[in-house]
Protein backbone atom coordinates (compact mmCIF):
# COMPACT_ATOMS: atom_id res chain seq x y z
CA MET A 1 -0.05 0.04 -0.07
CA MET A 2 2.85 2.49 0.74
CA ARG A 3 4.57 1.64 -2.49
CA PHE A 4 1.29 2.35 -4.25
CA LEU A 5 0.63 5.67 -2.55
CA PHE A 6 4.26 6.68 -3.27
CA LEU A 7 3.85 5.89 -7.07
CA LEU A 8 0.59 7.58 -7.09
CA SER A 9 2.15 10.76 -5.66
CA LEU A 10 4.93 10.57 -8.26
CA VAL A 11 2.36 10.30 -11.07
CA GLY A 12 0.46 13.31 -9.69
CA ALA A 13 3.62 15.42 -9.39
CA GLN A 14 4.63 14.51 -13.01
CA THR A 15 1.16 15.37 -14.27
CA ALA A 16 1.10 18.85 -12.42
CA SER A 17 4.55 19.42 -13.96
CA ALA A 18 3.58 18.55 -17.37
CA GLN A 19 0.56 20.86 -17.14
CA GLY A 20 3.07 23.76 -16.37
CA GLY A 21 0.72 25.24 -14.00
CA ARG A 22 -1.90 26.25 -16.62
CA ASP A 23 -5.37 27.20 -15.56
CA SER A 24 -8.44 25.15 -16.49
CA LEU A 25 -11.71 27.07 -16.35
CA THR A 26 -14.32 24.97 -14.56
CA LYS A 27 -16.79 27.83 -14.17
CA SER A 28 -19.82 28.06 -16.55
CA THR A 29 -19.50 31.88 -16.75
CA LEU A 30 -16.58 34.15 -17.83
CA SER A 31 -16.39 37.89 -17.29
CA MET A 32 -13.97 40.13 -19.22
CA ASP A 33 -11.73 40.75 -16.07
CA GLU A 34 -11.47 36.95 -15.50
CA ALA A 35 -10.49 36.50 -19.13
CA ILE A 36 -7.84 39.07 -18.79
CA ALA A 37 -6.50 37.66 -15.53
CA ILE A 38 -6.36 34.00 -17.13
CA ALA A 39 -4.70 35.33 -20.08
CA ARG A 40 -1.91 37.06 -18.15
CA ARG A 41 -1.19 33.74 -16.47
CA ASN A 42 -1.54 31.48 -19.54
CA ASN A 43 -0.92 33.32 -22.85
CA PRO A 44 2.47 31.77 -24.12
CA ASP A 45 3.63 34.88 -26.05
CA PHE A 46 3.15 37.03 -22.92
CA LEU A 47 4.85 34.47 -20.72
CA GLN A 48 7.88 34.54 -23.04
CA THR A 49 8.10 38.18 -22.51
CA VAL A 50 7.74 37.67 -18.72
CA ASN A 51 10.61 35.18 -18.72
CA ASN A 52 13.01 37.98 -19.88
CA ARG A 53 12.73 39.16 -16.28
CA HIS A 54 14.86 36.25 -15.00
CA THR A 55 17.61 36.85 -17.64
CA ALA A 56 17.68 40.52 -16.66
CA SER A 57 17.83 39.74 -12.97
CA ALA A 58 20.72 37.25 -13.56
CA ALA A 59 22.50 40.06 -15.58
CA VAL A 60 22.21 42.36 -12.59
CA ARG A 61 23.71 39.75 -10.25
CA SER A 62 26.50 39.12 -12.74
CA ALA A 63 27.22 42.75 -12.92
CA TYR A 64 27.67 43.09 -9.18
CA GLY A 65 29.44 39.89 -9.02
CA ALA A 66 32.17 41.44 -11.35
CA LEU A 67 33.01 43.81 -8.47
CA LEU A 68 33.94 40.81 -6.23
CA PRO A 69 37.19 38.68 -6.45
CA THR A 70 37.12 35.64 -8.53
CA ALA A 71 38.17 32.25 -7.05
CA ASP A 72 39.12 28.96 -8.49
CA ALA A 73 40.42 25.69 -7.25
CA SER A 74 42.35 22.92 -8.97
CA LEU A 75 43.57 19.42 -7.98
CA ALA A 76 45.82 17.44 -10.29
CA ALA A 77 47.65 14.08 -10.10
CA THR A 78 50.36 12.75 -12.28
CA ARG A 79 52.02 9.34 -12.95
CA GLN A 80 55.29 9.43 -14.77
CA GLN A 81 56.93 6.23 -16.21
CA SER A 82 60.50 5.63 -15.48
CA GLY A 83 63.10 6.43 -18.16
CA GLN A 84 65.53 8.98 -19.47
CA GLN A 85 64.54 12.39 -20.61
CA ILE A 86 66.63 14.98 -22.46
CA VAL A 87 66.20 18.46 -21.24
CA SER A 88 68.55 21.23 -22.55
CA GLY A 89 70.98 18.65 -23.69
CA SER A 90 71.17 16.91 -20.29
CA SER A 91 69.87 13.43 -19.55
CA LEU A 92 67.44 13.36 -16.74
CA GLY A 93 65.24 10.57 -15.34
CA ALA A 94 64.76 7.82 -12.92
CA SER A 95 64.69 4.19 -12.87
CA SER A 96 61.38 4.17 -10.91
CA ASP A 97 57.83 5.41 -11.75
CA ILE A 98 56.92 8.60 -10.17
CA ASN A 99 53.71 9.94 -8.58
CA GLN A 100 53.01 13.60 -8.28
CA SER A 101 49.98 15.65 -7.17
CA SER A 102 49.20 19.31 -6.54
CA TYR A 103 46.52 21.72 -5.66
CA ARG A 104 45.91 25.32 -5.99
CA ILE A 105 43.32 27.81 -4.77
CA GLY A 106 43.57 30.99 -6.64
CA PHE A 107 42.01 34.48 -6.16
CA GLY A 108 41.83 37.25 -8.72
CA TYR A 109 40.45 40.76 -9.01
CA ARG A 110 40.07 42.97 -12.00
CA LEU A 111 38.63 46.57 -12.06
CA ASN A 112 38.31 49.47 -14.50
CA SER A 113 35.71 52.13 -15.12
CA ALA A 114 33.64 49.90 -17.38
CA THR A 115 33.21 47.49 -14.52
CA LEU A 116 31.88 50.08 -12.15
CA ILE A 117 29.25 51.26 -14.75
CA THR A 118 28.02 47.80 -15.64
CA PRO A 119 25.72 47.43 -12.53
CA SER A 120 24.03 50.68 -13.32
CA LEU A 121 23.66 49.60 -17.01
CA GLN A 122 22.21 46.22 -16.07
CA ARG A 123 19.75 47.88 -13.42
CA ALA A 124 18.43 50.12 -16.22
CA ASN A 125 18.07 47.23 -18.59
CA LYS A 126 16.21 45.33 -15.99
CA ASP A 127 13.82 48.29 -15.63
CA ALA A 128 13.48 48.33 -19.41
CA VAL A 129 12.50 44.68 -19.40
CA GLU A 130 9.89 45.53 -16.68
CA ALA A 131 8.50 48.25 -18.92
CA ASP A 132 8.31 45.71 -21.85
CA ILE A 133 6.41 43.36 -19.60
CA THR A 134 4.01 46.17 -18.70
CA GLY A 135 3.63 46.97 -22.43
CA ALA A 136 3.07 43.48 -23.31
CA ALA A 137 0.36 43.12 -20.48
CA GLN A 138 -1.38 46.18 -21.73
CA MET A 139 -1.36 44.74 -25.37
CA LEU A 140 -2.67 41.42 -24.14
CA ARG A 141 -5.47 43.23 -22.12
CA ASP A 142 -6.42 45.16 -25.35
CA ASN A 143 -6.44 42.00 -27.48
CA VAL A 144 -8.52 39.96 -24.95
CA ALA A 145 -10.90 42.87 -24.53
CA ARG A 146 -11.56 43.33 -28.30
CA GLN A 147 -11.88 39.71 -28.85
CA TYR A 148 -14.35 39.46 -25.76
CA LEU A 149 -16.35 42.33 -27.25
CA THR A 150 -16.43 40.64 -30.57
CA ALA A 151 -17.85 37.44 -29.02
CA LEU A 152 -20.46 39.40 -27.16
CA GLN A 153 -21.34 41.15 -30.39
CA ALA A 154 -21.86 37.80 -32.07
CA GLU A 155 -24.13 36.76 -29.22
CA ALA A 156 -26.19 39.93 -29.53
CA ARG A 157 -26.54 39.24 -33.26
CA ALA A 158 -27.58 35.62 -32.61
CA ASP A 159 -30.17 36.85 -30.06
CA LEU A 160 -31.53 39.18 -32.72
CA GLN A 161 -31.84 36.27 -35.08
CA ASP A 162 -33.68 34.22 -32.43
CA SER A 163 -36.21 37.08 -31.98
CA LEU A 164 -36.69 37.35 -35.77
CA LEU A 165 -37.18 33.49 -35.72
CA VAL A 166 -40.05 33.89 -33.26
CA ALA A 167 -41.68 36.59 -35.46
CA ALA A 168 -41.31 34.57 -38.56
CA GLN A 169 -43.08 31.59 -36.96
CA ALA A 170 -45.75 33.96 -35.92
CA GLN A 171 -46.09 35.36 -39.44
CA ARG A 172 -46.43 31.95 -40.79
CA VAL A 173 -49.20 30.97 -38.52
CA LEU A 174 -50.79 34.14 -39.35
CA ALA A 175 -50.56 33.54 -43.09
CA GLN A 176 -51.85 30.17 -42.71
CA ALA A 177 -54.88 31.48 -40.72
CA ARG A 178 -55.57 34.09 -43.31
CA GLU A 179 -55.61 31.54 -46.02
CA ILE A 180 -57.94 29.25 -44.12
CA VAL A 181 -60.50 32.20 -43.69
CA GLY A 182 -60.13 33.30 -47.26
CA SER A 183 -58.53 36.62 -46.64
CA GLY A 184 -54.92 35.36 -47.68
CA THR A 185 -53.44 33.49 -50.44
CA GLN A 186 -51.19 30.47 -50.70
CA LEU A 187 -48.46 32.76 -52.07
CA ASP A 188 -48.27 34.58 -48.70
CA VAL A 189 -47.99 31.13 -46.88
CA GLN A 190 -45.13 30.06 -49.22
CA ARG A 191 -43.32 33.48 -48.68
CA ALA A 192 -43.71 33.03 -44.94
CA GLU A 193 -42.28 29.64 -44.99
CA VAL A 194 -39.22 30.79 -47.15
CA THR A 195 -38.73 33.59 -44.73
CA LEU A 196 -38.79 31.12 -41.85
CA GLY A 197 -36.32 28.85 -43.49
CA GLN A 198 -33.91 31.67 -44.26
CA GLN A 199 -34.15 32.69 -40.75
CA GLN A 200 -33.30 29.28 -39.46
CA VAL A 201 -30.17 29.33 -41.67
CA ALA A 202 -29.27 32.65 -40.35
CA ILE A 203 -29.57 31.39 -36.78
CA LEU A 204 -27.25 28.47 -37.65
CA GLN A 205 -24.60 30.83 -39.05
CA ALA A 206 -24.97 33.15 -36.10
CA ARG A 207 -24.53 30.55 -33.61
CA ASN A 208 -21.48 29.05 -35.56
CA GLN A 209 -19.99 32.47 -35.60
CA ILE A 210 -20.32 32.65 -31.78
CA GLU A 211 -18.29 29.49 -31.35
CA ILE A 212 -15.64 30.75 -33.83
CA GLU A 213 -15.23 34.00 -31.91
CA LYS A 214 -15.17 32.16 -28.52
CA LEU A 215 -12.41 29.75 -29.89
CA LYS A 216 -10.34 32.87 -30.77
CA LEU A 217 -10.84 34.43 -27.38
CA PHE A 218 -9.73 31.19 -25.54
CA GLN A 219 -6.76 30.96 -27.97
CA ILE A 220 -5.65 34.38 -26.79
CA MET A 221 -6.25 33.40 -23.26
CA GLY A 222 -4.00 30.44 -23.59
CA VAL A 223 -6.46 27.70 -22.23
CA GLN A 224 -8.83 25.15 -23.73
CA GLN A 225 -12.36 26.29 -24.21
CA PRO A 226 -14.64 24.50 -21.87
CA ALA A 227 -18.20 23.56 -23.02
CA ASN A 228 -21.17 25.86 -22.78
CA VAL A 229 -19.25 28.67 -21.20
CA ARG A 230 -21.28 32.11 -21.15
CA LEU A 231 -19.81 35.64 -21.35
CA VAL A 232 -21.52 37.60 -18.63
CA THR A 233 -19.93 41.05 -18.80
CA ASN A 234 -22.60 43.75 -19.33
CA LEU A 235 -21.06 46.90 -20.52
CA GLU A 236 -23.08 50.29 -20.69
CA VAL A 237 -22.71 53.15 -23.07
CA ARG A 238 -21.94 56.22 -20.95
CA PRO A 239 -21.54 59.82 -21.91
CA THR A 240 -17.70 60.69 -22.33
CA THR A 241 -16.39 62.67 -19.48
CA LEU A 242 -12.75 62.50 -20.36
CA SER A 243 -10.71 65.42 -21.46
CA LEU A 244 -8.54 65.03 -24.49
CA GLN A 245 -5.79 67.11 -22.88
CA GLU A 246 -5.75 65.18 -19.67
CA LEU A 247 -5.63 61.89 -21.68
CA LEU A 248 -2.61 63.08 -23.74
CA GLU A 249 -0.91 64.08 -20.58
CA SER A 250 -1.56 60.78 -19.03
CA ALA A 251 -0.51 58.87 -22.16
CA HIS A 252 2.87 60.55 -22.11
CA ARG A 253 3.39 59.79 -18.33
CA GLN A 254 2.02 56.24 -18.25
CA ASN A 255 2.00 54.71 -21.71
CA PRO A 256 4.16 51.51 -21.24
CA VAL A 257 5.60 51.62 -24.60
CA VAL A 258 6.93 55.14 -24.19
CA LEU A 259 8.22 54.22 -20.77
CA ALA A 260 10.00 51.26 -22.28
CA LEU A 261 11.75 53.39 -24.97
CA ARG A 262 12.78 55.74 -22.30
CA SER A 263 14.27 53.00 -20.32
CA ARG A 264 16.01 51.82 -23.44
CA LYS A 265 17.48 55.24 -24.09
CA ARG A 266 18.82 55.20 -20.48
CA VAL A 267 20.37 51.79 -21.13
CA ALA A 268 21.91 53.14 -24.35
CA GLU A 269 23.39 56.14 -22.57
CA LEU A 270 25.05 53.94 -19.93
CA ASN A 271 26.29 51.60 -22.63
CA VAL A 272 28.16 54.64 -24.24
CA ARG A 273 29.78 55.29 -20.93
CA ARG A 274 30.71 51.68 -20.50
CA GLU A 275 32.37 51.39 -23.99
CA ARG A 276 34.30 54.67 -23.34
CA GLY A 277 35.36 53.20 -19.95
CA GLU A 278 37.34 50.61 -21.97
CA TYR A 279 39.96 53.31 -22.45
CA SER A 280 40.76 53.55 -18.81
CA PRO A 281 43.39 51.55 -17.14
CA THR A 282 42.68 48.06 -15.71
CA LEU A 283 43.84 47.04 -12.27
CA SER A 284 44.50 43.18 -11.89
CA LEU A 285 45.42 41.41 -8.69
CA SER A 286 46.04 37.70 -8.22
CA THR A 287 47.18 35.46 -5.34
CA GLY A 288 46.66 32.01 -4.06
CA ILE A 289 47.70 29.11 -2.09
CA GLY A 290 48.88 25.77 -3.25
CA GLY A 291 50.94 22.53 -2.37
CA TYR A 292 52.54 19.56 -4.12
CA THR A 293 53.77 15.98 -3.53
CA TYR A 294 56.52 14.13 -5.22
CA GLY A 295 57.32 10.46 -4.59
CA TYR A 296 58.49 7.30 -6.21
CA VAL A 297 56.16 4.37 -6.69
CA ASN A 298 58.91 1.98 -5.41
CA ASP A 299 59.73 3.02 -1.72
CA ASN A 300 63.08 1.19 -1.98
CA PHE A 301 64.34 3.36 -4.83
CA PRO A 302 65.01 6.59 -2.67
CA VAL A 303 66.53 4.38 0.06
CA ALA A 304 68.89 2.66 -2.44
CA GLN A 305 69.92 5.99 -3.84
CA ALA A 306 70.62 7.21 -0.35
CA GLN A 307 72.64 4.10 0.50
CA ALA A 308 74.66 4.36 -2.64
CA SER A 309 75.39 8.06 -1.92
CA THR A 310 76.46 7.36 1.63
CA LEU A 311 78.81 4.47 0.45
CA ALA A 312 80.27 6.82 -2.21
CA SER A 313 80.80 9.47 0.44
CA LYS A 314 82.41 6.87 2.75
CA ALA A 315 84.80 5.62 -0.10
CA SER A 316 85.78 9.22 -1.03
CA CYS A 317 86.56 9.96 2.79
CA ILE A 318 88.80 6.98 3.03
CA ARG A 319 90.74 7.74 -0.22
CA THR A 320 91.18 11.41 0.91
CA GLU A 321 92.40 10.57 4.33
CA GLU A 322 94.80 7.73 2.92
CA VAL A 323 96.42 10.19 0.63
CA ARG A 324 96.93 12.78 3.56
CA ALA A 325 98.51 9.78 5.51
CA ALA A 326 100.81 8.84 2.62
CA LEU A 327 101.97 12.52 2.52
CA SER A 328 102.63 12.44 6.36
CA LEU A 329 99.88 14.94 6.80
CA SER A 330 97.36 15.05 9.59
CA ASN A 331 94.44 12.83 8.95
CA ASN A 332 91.37 11.42 10.46
CA LEU A 333 90.97 8.09 8.90
CA ALA A 334 88.97 6.73 11.90
CA SER A 335 86.24 9.23 11.38
CA CYS A 336 85.39 7.77 7.90
CA SER A 337 84.10 4.67 9.58
CA ALA A 338 81.35 6.87 11.19
CA ILE A 339 79.85 7.40 7.80
CA SER A 340 76.99 4.95 7.45
CA PHE A 341 73.33 4.60 6.37
CA THR A 342 70.97 3.62 9.23
CA ASP A 343 67.60 2.05 9.32
CA ALA A 344 66.22 5.20 10.88
CA GLN A 345 67.39 7.17 7.80
CA ALA A 346 65.76 4.54 5.57
CA ALA A 347 62.50 4.79 7.51
CA ALA A 348 62.59 8.53 7.17
CA LEU A 349 63.09 8.44 3.60
CA ARG A 350 60.23 5.89 3.02
CA THR A 351 58.01 8.28 5.13
CA GLN A 352 58.80 11.28 3.11
CA ASN A 353 58.25 9.26 -0.10
CA SER A 354 54.75 8.26 1.05
CA LYS A 355 53.08 11.70 0.95
CA PHE A 356 51.20 11.11 -2.43
CA PRO A 357 48.43 12.04 -2.95
CA PHE A 358 47.14 14.35 -0.28
CA ASN A 359 49.98 14.99 2.14
CA PHE A 360 50.95 18.18 0.46
CA THR A 361 54.06 20.36 0.98
CA ARG A 362 52.84 23.96 1.04
CA ALA A 363 54.11 26.12 -1.76
CA PRO A 364 55.48 29.59 -1.22
CA ARG A 365 52.84 32.18 -1.34
CA SER A 366 52.84 34.95 -3.86
CA ILE A 367 50.83 38.08 -4.83
CA THR A 368 50.68 39.74 -8.15
CA ALA A 369 49.57 43.29 -9.06
CA ALA A 370 49.39 44.60 -12.73
CA LEU A 371 48.06 47.91 -14.17
CA SER A 372 47.56 47.69 -17.87
CA LEU A 373 46.60 50.36 -20.28
CA PRO A 374 45.15 49.44 -23.71
CA LEU A 375 46.76 51.41 -26.48
CA PHE A 376 45.66 50.12 -29.79
CA ASP A 377 43.38 47.15 -30.70
CA GLY A 378 42.75 47.81 -34.49
CA PHE A 379 40.05 50.46 -33.86
CA ALA A 380 37.77 47.81 -32.27
CA ARG A 381 36.98 49.97 -29.29
CA GLU A 382 36.31 53.08 -31.49
CA GLU A 383 33.89 50.88 -33.41
CA ARG A 384 31.92 49.75 -30.37
CA VAL A 385 31.90 53.36 -28.99
CA GLN A 386 30.33 54.59 -32.30
CA GLN A 387 27.82 51.74 -32.26
CA ALA A 388 26.79 52.60 -28.78
CA ILE A 389 26.42 56.32 -29.72
CA VAL A 390 24.31 55.41 -32.81
CA ALA A 391 22.14 53.17 -30.49
CA ARG A 392 21.66 56.13 -28.08
CA GLU A 393 20.69 58.49 -30.90
CA ASP A 394 18.29 55.73 -32.39
CA ALA A 395 16.70 55.47 -28.93
CA GLN A 396 16.10 59.15 -28.74
CA LEU A 397 14.64 59.29 -32.20
CA GLY A 398 12.46 56.24 -31.31
CA ILE A 399 11.00 58.14 -28.30
CA ARG A 400 10.26 61.28 -30.45
CA SER A 401 8.62 58.99 -33.03
CA ARG A 402 6.53 57.23 -30.51
CA GLU A 403 5.48 60.45 -28.75
CA LEU A 404 4.30 61.96 -31.97
CA GLY A 405 2.46 58.76 -32.94
CA LEU A 406 0.89 58.63 -29.41
CA ASN A 407 -0.54 62.06 -29.97
CA ALA A 408 -2.16 61.01 -33.21
CA GLU A 409 -3.36 57.62 -31.67
CA VAL A 410 -4.89 59.10 -28.57
CA THR A 411 -6.57 61.99 -30.53
CA GLY A 412 -7.93 59.77 -33.13
CA ALA A 413 -9.19 57.18 -30.51
CA TYR A 414 -10.88 60.10 -28.55
CA LEU A 415 -12.58 61.41 -31.78
CA THR A 416 -13.63 57.90 -32.59
CA LEU A 417 -15.12 57.28 -29.12
CA THR A 418 -17.07 60.53 -29.10
CA THR A 419 -18.36 59.76 -32.73
CA ALA A 420 -19.38 56.22 -31.68
CA GLU A 421 -21.18 57.50 -28.64
CA LYS A 422 -23.41 59.83 -30.90
CA THR A 423 -23.79 56.95 -33.39
CA VAL A 424 -25.18 54.66 -30.62
CA ALA A 425 -27.76 57.36 -29.83
CA LEU A 426 -28.92 57.73 -33.34
CA GLN A 427 -28.92 54.06 -34.10
CA GLN A 428 -30.96 53.38 -30.98
CA GLN A 429 -33.55 55.89 -32.36
CA ASN A 430 -33.42 54.26 -35.73
CA SER A 431 -33.99 50.82 -34.31
CA ALA A 432 -36.96 51.90 -32.01
CA LYS A 433 -38.45 53.46 -35.06
CA ALA A 434 -38.02 50.51 -37.24
CA LYS A 435 -39.45 48.23 -34.64
CA GLN A 436 -42.52 50.50 -34.24
CA GLU A 437 -42.96 50.37 -38.04
CA LEU A 438 -42.71 46.64 -38.04
CA THR A 439 -45.25 46.29 -35.35
CA LEU A 440 -47.63 48.60 -37.15
CA VAL A 441 -47.14 46.82 -40.50
CA GLN A 442 -47.74 43.34 -38.79
CA GLU A 443 -50.90 44.72 -37.23
CA ARG A 444 -52.03 46.00 -40.53
CA TYR A 445 -51.38 42.64 -42.11
CA ARG A 446 -53.37 41.00 -39.49
CA VAL A 447 -56.37 42.98 -40.16
CA GLY A 448 -55.85 42.67 -43.98
CA ALA A 449 -54.91 46.41 -44.59
CA THR A 450 -51.62 45.60 -46.23
CA THR A 451 -49.61 42.81 -48.08
CA TYR A 452 -47.12 40.25 -46.79
CA VAL A 453 -44.56 42.12 -49.03
CA ASP A 454 -44.86 45.09 -46.85
CA VAL A 455 -44.31 42.85 -43.82
CA MET A 456 -41.16 41.40 -45.32
CA GLN A 457 -39.86 44.84 -46.20
CA ALA A 458 -40.59 46.27 -42.67
CA ARG A 459 -38.93 43.16 -41.21
CA ALA A 460 -35.75 43.67 -43.33
CA ASP A 461 -35.64 47.29 -42.31
CA TYR A 462 -35.92 46.42 -38.58
CA GLU A 463 -33.20 43.75 -38.96
CA ARG A 464 -30.95 46.01 -40.54
CA ALA A 465 -31.49 48.89 -38.10
CA GLU A 466 -31.15 46.58 -35.13
CA ASN A 467 -27.92 45.15 -36.60
CA ASP A 468 -26.64 48.71 -36.94
CA ARG A 469 -27.56 49.44 -33.36
CA ILE A 470 -25.61 46.35 -32.20
CA ASN A 471 -22.56 47.28 -34.25
CA ALA A 472 -22.75 50.78 -32.95
CA VAL A 473 -22.79 49.64 -29.35
CA TYR A 474 -19.90 47.41 -29.69
CA ASP A 475 -18.07 49.72 -31.96
CA TYR A 476 -18.32 52.23 -28.97
CA HIS A 477 -16.84 49.66 -26.55
CA LYS A 478 -14.06 48.73 -28.97
CA ALA A 479 -13.32 52.44 -29.43
CA PHE A 480 -13.10 52.69 -25.63
CA ALA A 481 -10.84 49.84 -25.55
CA ALA A 482 -8.63 51.32 -28.31
CA LEU A 483 -8.54 54.68 -26.30
CA GLU A 484 -7.39 52.64 -23.21
CA SER A 485 -4.63 50.92 -25.36
CA ALA A 486 -3.42 54.21 -26.60
CA VAL A 487 -3.34 55.82 -23.18
CA GLY A 488 -1.70 52.84 -21.66
CA HIS A 489 -4.01 52.04 -18.71
CA PRO A 490 -7.63 51.30 -17.95
CA LEU A 491 -9.99 54.20 -18.05
CA ARG A 492 -13.13 52.53 -16.28
């Protein structure tokens, strides 16, 4: 049982990891604010922009880390086969394999003016990335709002077609009744049936369009569309109380695209300073600690060498003292007998030879300081400086271009909104009049005062007027969303 629960938990963890934390909409209703919130958590394009935040944060840490000393450690071991080697014309080598090991822990420090400027540069770049994220969030909000409104518009058109279907069914019943009592004709009945069939086709198309627009909406949101979800946001057309001048000032202060461009300009300015800082001297410091071991694989090899050296020294001493004695000089021949190789010396040599691999002998410490001044590198620095200057000027021109475009976008969106507001009022009046005319013509047809052709014409006029009213209402809301996108923040 414990194994089963453990495996079950692993499967659950892997499933959660595979889902990547994505939302699954379980509610049967969806408001516009909920759609925007879900899109911010799941839209893949937006999340790619958000991921840039991690890279920017890592660059800031790296820039500050460049102000700290660097450290590295190494551990090496070598085994050298016995034999002779020729070094500078001399024969070197040993008749025993050799073991060697060493370690080193080194510290270094490098500093110039470019290193000091880099943290400010990377902080500015991080601010620019945050501004990009804010701009992407605003763009995502605008896309979701527009598609949400388009889906609502499709539902409103479908509701109109439903109401027209009910009217067409009533007209067919009325035409059949008039034919039965002799006040109507079979032609009127056939026309009513054709109208009913056309209305049924229109409903199918309208409902299909709703599903298509919802699919597009959930695609932008980044989640799968659940079955039978309803869009429940009810937006009202309200008189515009916004001032164009206030909107322009707010856009220049808060529009995320403009803020991102300004941040990029700050990055470009700091990049120019950093590239010019490469002309300054660079201070480099380095130090470290280390150790080494050196030993023969055969412990008897250094003992044999020491014994041979001792015997050679004793023989040399005896020859020297014998010569002095033959010349009747003072000599100390007896002292040569004291030259001998003891077991204690052999044990000490074996102990000294057994330090491999970790019984290190400490190497002498050292510290190095260097001051370097770059003189000429084939104009590579000059090229980088010019590229940085051009990037700074391009950023300044980009800000100016965007600010000019912002004035045009905000002004155009404001004028479109005010026009859409007036259009809604006019289309509502037209729709109301067309509905009254349709009701009057239907009543006249019921009492036999007009023909079915007049009913069809009045019905077409009402359908056109009501469609125009629906389009005007949602054009108003889309114009409001466009104005919010131009300003760069919600206005309601």
